[in-house]
Protein backbone atom coordinates (compact mmCIF):
# COMPACT_ATOMS: atom_id res chain seq x y z
CA MET A 1 -17.94 -29.12 -14.31
CA LEU A 2 -20.35 -26.86 -12.67
CA LYS A 3 -17.83 -26.83 -9.92
CA LYS A 4 -15.05 -25.41 -12.20
CA ILE A 5 -17.26 -22.58 -12.94
CA LEU A 6 -18.81 -21.79 -9.71
CA PRO A 7 -16.07 -20.16 -7.65
CA LYS A 8 -15.93 -20.63 -3.58
CA GLU A 9 -16.45 -16.92 -2.38
CA GLU A 10 -14.31 -17.54 0.51
CA LYS A 11 -10.89 -18.13 -1.58
CA TYR A 12 -11.38 -14.70 -3.00
CA PHE A 13 -12.10 -13.04 0.70
CA GLU A 14 -9.08 -14.94 2.25
CA ASP A 15 -6.64 -14.20 -0.40
CA PHE A 16 -7.58 -10.39 0.11
CA LYS A 17 -7.17 -10.96 3.85
CA GLU A 18 -3.81 -12.77 3.40
CA MET A 19 -2.44 -10.22 1.06
CA ILE A 20 -3.43 -7.10 3.28
CA PHE A 21 -1.91 -8.83 6.14
CA HIS A 22 1.33 -8.87 4.25
CA ILE A 23 1.00 -5.40 3.25
CA GLU A 24 0.55 -4.21 6.79
CA GLU A 25 3.79 -6.08 7.91
CA MET A 26 5.59 -4.44 4.83
CA ALA A 27 4.25 -0.75 6.12
CA LYS A 28 5.38 -1.49 9.50
CA PHE A 29 8.90 -2.44 8.63
CA ASN A 30 8.50 0.57 6.18
CA LYS A 31 8.23 2.92 9.30
CA GLU A 32 10.77 1.11 11.20
CA LEU A 33 13.22 2.25 8.24
CA PHE A 34 11.95 6.01 8.35
CA ASP A 35 11.99 6.23 12.15
CA ALA A 36 15.68 5.36 12.62
CA GLU A 37 18.07 7.99 12.68
CA VAL A 38 20.35 5.51 10.82
CA PRO A 39 18.18 3.30 8.53
CA ASP A 40 18.68 -0.23 8.91
CA LYS A 41 18.74 -2.05 5.61
CA ASN A 42 17.45 -5.50 7.38
CA ASN A 43 13.93 -3.75 7.20
CA PHE A 44 14.45 -3.73 3.35
CA LEU A 45 15.48 -7.30 3.59
CA LYS A 46 12.46 -8.37 5.67
CA MET A 47 9.95 -6.54 3.16
CA LYS A 48 11.08 -8.45 0.01
CA PRO A 49 9.72 -11.96 1.01
CA LEU A 50 6.48 -10.22 1.82
CA GLU A 51 6.34 -8.37 -1.53
CA VAL A 52 7.07 -11.78 -3.56
CA ARG A 53 4.22 -13.58 -1.49
CA CYS A 54 1.83 -10.56 -2.58
CA ASP A 55 2.86 -11.10 -6.26
CA GLU A 56 2.16 -14.70 -5.70
CA ILE A 57 -1.20 -13.98 -4.16
CA SER A 58 -2.30 -11.56 -6.81
CA SER A 59 -1.28 -14.02 -9.60
CA ARG A 60 -3.61 -16.72 -7.80
CA ILE A 61 -6.41 -14.28 -7.87
CA THR A 62 -6.06 -13.62 -11.29
CA LYS A 63 -5.97 -16.97 -12.66
CA ARG A 64 -8.83 -17.77 -10.68
CA LEU A 65 -10.82 -15.08 -12.52
CA ASN A 66 -9.79 -16.22 -15.63
CA LYS A 67 -11.14 -19.81 -14.88
CA THR A 68 -14.83 -18.74 -13.48
CA TYR A 69 -17.67 -17.06 -14.72
CA ILE A 70 -19.44 -16.02 -11.49
CA THR A 71 -17.87 -13.95 -8.79
CA PRO A 72 -18.57 -12.77 -5.34
CA PHE A 73 -18.67 -9.09 -6.60
CA ASP A 74 -18.05 -7.49 -9.77
CA ARG A 75 -14.96 -9.00 -11.92
CA GLU A 76 -13.74 -5.35 -12.61
CA ASP A 77 -13.86 -4.55 -8.92
CA ILE A 78 -11.66 -7.77 -8.18
CA PHE A 79 -9.37 -6.86 -10.76
CA ALA A 80 -9.04 -3.23 -9.57
CA LEU A 81 -8.51 -4.33 -5.78
CA VAL A 82 -5.91 -6.85 -6.40
CA LYS A 83 -3.99 -4.72 -8.83
CA ARG A 84 -4.12 -1.52 -6.58
CA LEU A 85 -2.98 -3.87 -3.49
CA ASP A 86 -0.28 -4.98 -5.58
CA ASP A 87 0.89 -1.81 -6.50
CA ILE A 88 0.91 -0.60 -2.81
CA SER A 89 3.04 -3.71 -1.75
CA ASP A 90 5.75 -2.90 -4.96
CA MET A 91 5.83 0.67 -4.09
CA LEU A 92 6.47 0.14 -0.25
CA LEU A 93 9.20 -2.19 -1.36
CA GLY A 94 10.48 0.38 -3.73
CA ALA A 95 10.52 3.15 -1.15
CA ALA A 96 12.84 0.70 0.88
CA ALA A 97 14.95 0.03 -1.83
CA ARG A 98 15.87 3.49 -2.69
CA VAL A 99 17.15 3.70 1.10
CA ASP A 100 19.38 0.87 0.21
CA THR A 101 20.43 1.75 -3.44
CA PHE A 102 21.19 5.57 -2.52
CA VAL A 103 22.83 4.50 0.53
CA ILE A 104 20.94 6.87 2.64
CA ASP A 105 22.66 6.83 6.08
CA LYS A 106 20.68 9.45 7.71
CA LYS A 107 17.09 10.09 8.73
CA ILE A 108 14.97 11.97 6.15
CA ASN A 109 13.18 15.20 7.19
CA HIS A 110 9.25 14.36 7.40
CA ALA A 111 9.49 11.12 5.86
CA ASP A 112 9.05 9.10 9.17
CA ARG A 113 5.67 11.16 9.35
CA MET A 114 4.96 10.08 5.68
CA ALA A 115 5.73 6.73 6.16
CA ALA A 116 3.26 6.46 9.50
CA ILE A 117 0.40 8.01 7.75
CA VAL A 118 0.92 5.40 5.09
CA GLN A 119 0.91 2.66 7.80
CA GLU A 120 -2.45 3.93 9.29
CA GLN A 121 -4.24 4.17 5.78
CA ILE A 122 -3.03 0.55 5.02
CA ASN A 123 -4.76 -0.48 8.95
CA GLU A 124 -7.85 1.39 8.03
CA LEU A 125 -7.85 -0.46 4.54
CA GLY A 126 -7.17 -3.78 6.56
CA VAL A 127 -10.06 -3.37 8.62
CA ALA A 128 -12.42 -3.16 5.59
CA ILE A 129 -10.79 -5.94 3.74
CA GLN A 130 -11.11 -8.07 6.75
CA ASP A 131 -15.07 -8.36 5.91
CA LEU A 132 -15.77 -6.81 2.52
CA LYS A 133 -19.59 -7.73 3.22
CA VAL A 134 -19.57 -5.01 5.80
CA LYS A 135 -19.88 -1.56 4.94
CA ARG A 136 -17.25 0.21 6.51
CA ILE A 137 -17.68 3.86 5.16
CA ASN A 138 -15.78 5.36 8.33
CA GLU A 139 -12.60 3.57 7.39
CA MET A 140 -12.56 4.93 3.93
CA LYS A 141 -13.47 8.54 5.17
CA ALA A 142 -10.16 7.77 7.40
CA VAL A 143 -8.20 7.07 4.53
CA LYS A 144 -9.15 10.01 2.54
CA ASP A 145 -8.56 12.21 5.61
CA LEU A 146 -5.02 10.61 6.30
CA GLU A 147 -4.32 10.96 2.15
CA SER A 148 -4.86 15.04 2.55
CA GLU A 149 -2.68 14.87 5.70
CA ALA A 150 -0.12 13.52 3.88
CA ASP A 151 -0.21 15.86 1.14
CA ARG A 152 0.30 18.63 3.81
CA VAL A 153 3.29 16.81 5.02
CA TYR A 154 4.69 16.38 1.53
CA GLN A 155 4.45 19.89 0.94
CA THR A 156 6.36 21.02 3.95
CA ALA A 157 8.86 18.34 3.19
CA MET A 158 9.45 19.63 -0.37
CA LYS A 159 9.78 23.46 1.14
CA GLU A 160 12.25 22.48 3.62
CA LEU A 161 14.34 20.25 1.08
CA PHE A 162 14.77 22.77 -1.60
CA GLU A 163 15.61 25.38 1.10
CA GLN A 164 17.95 23.79 3.18
CA GLU A 165 19.60 20.84 1.03
CA THR A 166 22.71 22.00 -0.70
CA ASN A 167 23.95 19.09 -2.11
CA ALA A 168 22.18 18.51 -5.46
CA ILE A 169 22.61 14.72 -5.41
CA ASN A 170 21.20 14.41 -2.15
CA LEU A 171 18.28 16.56 -3.11
CA ILE A 172 17.68 14.27 -5.75
CA LYS A 173 17.69 11.07 -3.89
CA LYS A 174 15.56 12.48 -0.89
CA LYS A 175 13.09 14.11 -3.12
CA GLU A 176 12.54 10.60 -5.19
CA ILE A 177 12.04 8.89 -1.66
CA LEU A 178 9.17 11.43 -0.60
CA ASP A 179 7.77 11.39 -4.03
CA LEU A 180 7.32 7.55 -3.68
CA LEU A 181 6.01 7.80 -0.12
CA GLU A 182 3.31 10.57 -1.23
CA ARG A 183 2.18 8.07 -4.29
CA ILE A 184 1.62 5.55 -1.89
CA SER A 185 -0.45 7.51 0.38
CA ASP A 186 -2.25 8.42 -2.92
CA ARG A 187 -2.45 4.88 -3.92
CA CYS A 188 -3.94 4.05 -0.57
CA GLN A 189 -6.93 6.46 -1.27
CA SER A 190 -7.44 4.84 -4.81
CA THR A 191 -7.88 1.60 -2.95
CA ALA A 192 -10.20 2.95 -0.58
CA ASN A 193 -12.38 4.00 -3.72
CA VAL A 194 -12.46 0.70 -4.98
CA ILE A 195 -13.74 -0.69 -1.82
CA LEU A 196 -16.42 2.18 -1.49
CA SER A 197 -17.33 1.14 -4.92
CA ILE A 198 -17.48 -2.74 -3.75
CA PHE A 199 -19.72 -1.57 -0.75
CA LEU A 200 -22.02 0.35 -2.77
CA LYS A 201 -22.41 -1.92 -5.43
CA ASN A 202 -23.24 -4.81 -3.17
CA THR A 203 -25.80 -3.14 -0.60
């Protein structure tokens, strides 16, 4: 009975490592999608099974939490971290899905830079998640700095979009995609805050 109550810490850590690995792969395909002069929907198709895998891991962590009393760090922090990682996965797929759904056949100005920033943020999160027992403040600061850069790029993109795009439907499509990329960057920053909380509570 005691074995069911006491968790194996490594299971949580390994799940988070696996989850961020899949998200890093999604971020890579997302960047490739927005880098291309003509977006390739195959990048979207490659992302779908990775997002499904993240959902499965999220569900597994949640079920384990509901069956155990003792956790490697605060239960609410585990819930918060898995929720934010799952959100990032969902939003990455959502951005790619909109390119496919909206039949975007040309590169969107500044979307490539925003996708690159998101990828950098996710890579920094990945470094921290590889060992949540190590206090990696520099990586969390990098995520925040990158989020500030994403805000600047987003503002520039919005200004140019409303100045230069004359087709209202195309404007709405591009704006929705840029909005989502900006929100992914924000969610990365929110994830960094959760990780920082874990560091501070466990030092």
